[in-house]
Protein backbone atom coordinates (compact mmCIF):
# COMPACT_ATOMS: atom_id res chain seq x y z
CA UNK A 1 -4.54 -76.02 86.79
CA UNK A 2 -2.83 -76.85 83.59
CA UNK A 3 0.94 -77.17 83.61
CA UNK A 4 2.88 -76.77 80.46
CA UNK A 5 6.36 -78.12 79.77
CA UNK A 6 8.73 -78.71 76.85
CA UNK A 7 10.55 -81.93 76.26
CA UNK A 8 12.72 -83.56 73.64
CA UNK A 9 11.21 -86.59 72.11
CA UNK A 10 13.32 -89.14 74.02
CA UNK A 11 12.17 -87.50 77.32
CA UNK A 12 8.50 -87.68 76.10
CA UNK A 13 8.93 -91.46 75.63
CA UNK A 14 10.31 -91.87 79.07
CA UNK A 15 7.53 -89.68 80.50
CA UNK A 16 4.93 -91.93 78.78
CA UNK A 17 6.68 -95.12 79.88
CA UNK A 18 6.93 -93.97 83.55
CA UNK A 19 3.92 -91.72 84.15
CA UNK A 20 1.08 -92.70 81.96
CA UNK A 21 -1.21 -95.37 83.34
CA UNK A 22 -4.20 -97.34 82.14
CA UNK A 23 -7.40 -95.25 82.52
CA UNK A 24 -5.54 -91.90 82.13
CA UNK A 25 -6.67 -89.53 79.37
CA UNK A 26 -3.97 -88.85 76.77
CA UNK A 27 -4.42 -86.42 73.87
CA UNK A 28 -1.85 -86.88 71.21
CA UNK A 29 -1.12 -84.34 68.50
CA UNK A 30 0.98 -85.39 65.55
CA UNK A 31 1.24 -84.56 61.85
CA UNK A 32 -2.16 -82.74 61.63
CA UNK A 33 -3.87 -85.48 63.72
CA UNK A 34 -5.47 -84.96 67.09
CA UNK A 35 -6.19 -88.21 68.97
CA UNK A 36 -7.81 -87.86 72.38
CA UNK A 37 -8.73 -90.96 74.28
CA UNK A 38 -8.50 -93.11 77.40
CA UNK A 39 -5.35 -95.26 77.78
CA UNK A 40 -6.21 -98.89 77.35
CA UNK A 41 -2.66 -100.18 77.49
CA UNK A 42 0.95 -99.55 76.98
CA UNK A 43 3.37 -101.85 75.25
CA UNK A 44 6.96 -101.67 75.63
CA UNK A 45 9.43 -101.60 72.76
CA UNK A 46 10.12 -104.71 70.83
CA UNK A 47 13.63 -105.00 69.53
CA UNK A 48 12.93 -108.07 67.55
CA UNK A 49 10.20 -106.36 65.39
CA UNK A 50 11.58 -102.72 65.69
CA UNK A 51 8.42 -101.39 67.16
CA UNK A 52 8.53 -98.59 69.57
CA UNK A 53 6.69 -97.81 72.66
CA UNK A 54 2.93 -98.25 71.74
CA UNK A 55 0.02 -96.74 73.50
CA UNK A 56 -3.46 -98.11 72.98
CA UNK A 57 -6.35 -95.52 73.20
CA UNK A 58 -10.04 -95.69 73.21
CA UNK A 59 -10.82 -92.50 71.16
CA UNK A 60 -13.30 -90.15 72.63
CA UNK A 61 -14.38 -88.23 69.55
CA UNK A 62 -17.91 -87.39 68.37
CA UNK A 63 -17.35 -88.98 64.94
CA UNK A 64 -14.81 -91.69 65.76
CA UNK A 65 -15.12 -93.79 68.94
CA UNK A 66 -12.78 -96.69 68.37
CA UNK A 67 -9.64 -98.20 69.75
CA UNK A 68 -6.32 -97.37 68.07
CA UNK A 69 -2.65 -98.14 68.78
CA UNK A 70 -0.11 -95.40 68.37
CA UNK A 71 3.57 -96.42 68.00
CA UNK A 72 5.48 -93.31 69.25
CA UNK A 73 8.47 -94.37 67.18
CA UNK A 74 6.52 -93.97 63.96
CA UNK A 75 5.74 -90.32 64.82
CA UNK A 76 9.16 -89.32 66.17
CA UNK A 77 9.48 -86.61 63.59
CA UNK A 78 5.77 -85.51 63.59
CA UNK A 79 4.97 -85.63 67.36
CA UNK A 80 3.85 -82.05 68.39
CA UNK A 81 2.13 -82.22 71.71
CA UNK A 82 0.78 -84.67 74.43
CA UNK A 83 -1.81 -83.64 76.93
CA UNK A 84 -1.88 -86.03 79.91
CA UNK A 85 -4.94 -85.72 82.23
CA UNK A 86 -5.27 -87.72 85.52
CA UNK A 87 -7.30 -87.10 88.74
CA UNK A 88 -4.17 -85.43 90.18
CA UNK A 89 -2.69 -83.45 87.24
CA UNK A 90 -3.28 -81.82 83.95
CA UNK A 91 -0.02 -81.62 82.02
CA UNK A 92 0.64 -80.41 78.44
CA UNK A 93 3.87 -81.45 76.95
CA UNK A 94 5.19 -79.54 73.87
CA UNK A 95 7.69 -81.72 71.98
CA UNK A 96 10.78 -79.83 70.85
């Protein structure tokens, strides 16, 4: 069963940091982009370079099937929704 919740951006980043694991499915919707894929890795923020929390995904599209890295800080204003799928849960997060 799909659970739906709403979160502020900062809470979404905390959720990704603490709950998303390698091998999970993460579908990210931001600024007219929909990027579904398997999580390959999560890189913590880098204060020296100013990069935010970064998620590497192996895209699972029919046309594109490549690895991408999404810096959540770059999409703070444009992040719309995350869909996190594991063996145990199916959670849709609407970003407020």
